[in-house]
Amino acid sequence: MADIQVARPNQLGEIYDRILARSFPADELVDRETFLTYATWGEVLVSLDAPEQVAAVAVADYSSTTELLLVEYLAVAPESREGGWGKKLFKAALKRWSELMSPGAFLAELERPDGHRASAEFGDPVRRLKFYDRLGFKCLALPYYQPALSPEQHPVMDLILSVLVTNPEWLSADGSRFTEGARLEAMLLERMPEPTPGEAAAWETLLLATRDPEGIELVDLSDLKRVPRSVPFA
């Protein structure tokens, strides 16, 4: 497998068309123009299976004001999915992003298996949870959902916000709680300053849950019964 590389600007269109657009439901993917416009150097990492041929991609959104890094997308080209590219790329991506940005924690949005079905096109939520669990991620006990990415798209309920904390000062003394809820709320507001009317209740419930003075409980990804589901949208 080739070494991980920072994506070049002339690769972004291929990454979107050949991998991202074929790997995520429409409501979970930003539009092509937004991706090409706002992709920042170092936040899009790729692995190549042949000269100039992208096999897998990892896309981050790093917030310098909060020092949180959200793994927006991790995807493998459909024709390369049996080669173990995703695991190798993601481990390398965590290391590279640590070197480039030094986030205090990595975040990843995952589908709840009790709210999303497995499919050949978009993958299996159960396998995805196990994948992140093996990498050391925990679940933040929040009623998490993905806000609508544009006026033409819909919010996505029944998601999990998982976290891998790299700054031990962001944890409670016993390691059971994430104590930087204010950072998390600030990042959410950066990404979604105004909810659509139909998701206002879900949005306010989510923000309120980040403000627990004792911190946000960390839950094993195998124990989702302890994680509240998002409020339904109107």
Foldseek 3Di string as FASTA:
>chain_A
DDAKDWDDLVCLVVCCVQKVVQADDPQLDDDSVCSSVPQDTLQKIFDAPDVSHTFWIWGWDADLVLLEIEGSDTIGGLVCVVPCVRLVVVVSSVVSCCVVRVRQKYKYKAADQVQDQADSRHGHRVVVLVSVLVVPKWWFQFQDWAAGQDPVHHIGWRITIIMDGDNCVQADPVRFFGQVLVSVLVVVCVRDVDGDVQCVVQVVRRNVQSPDNVHTGTHRSVPCVSHDTTDDTD
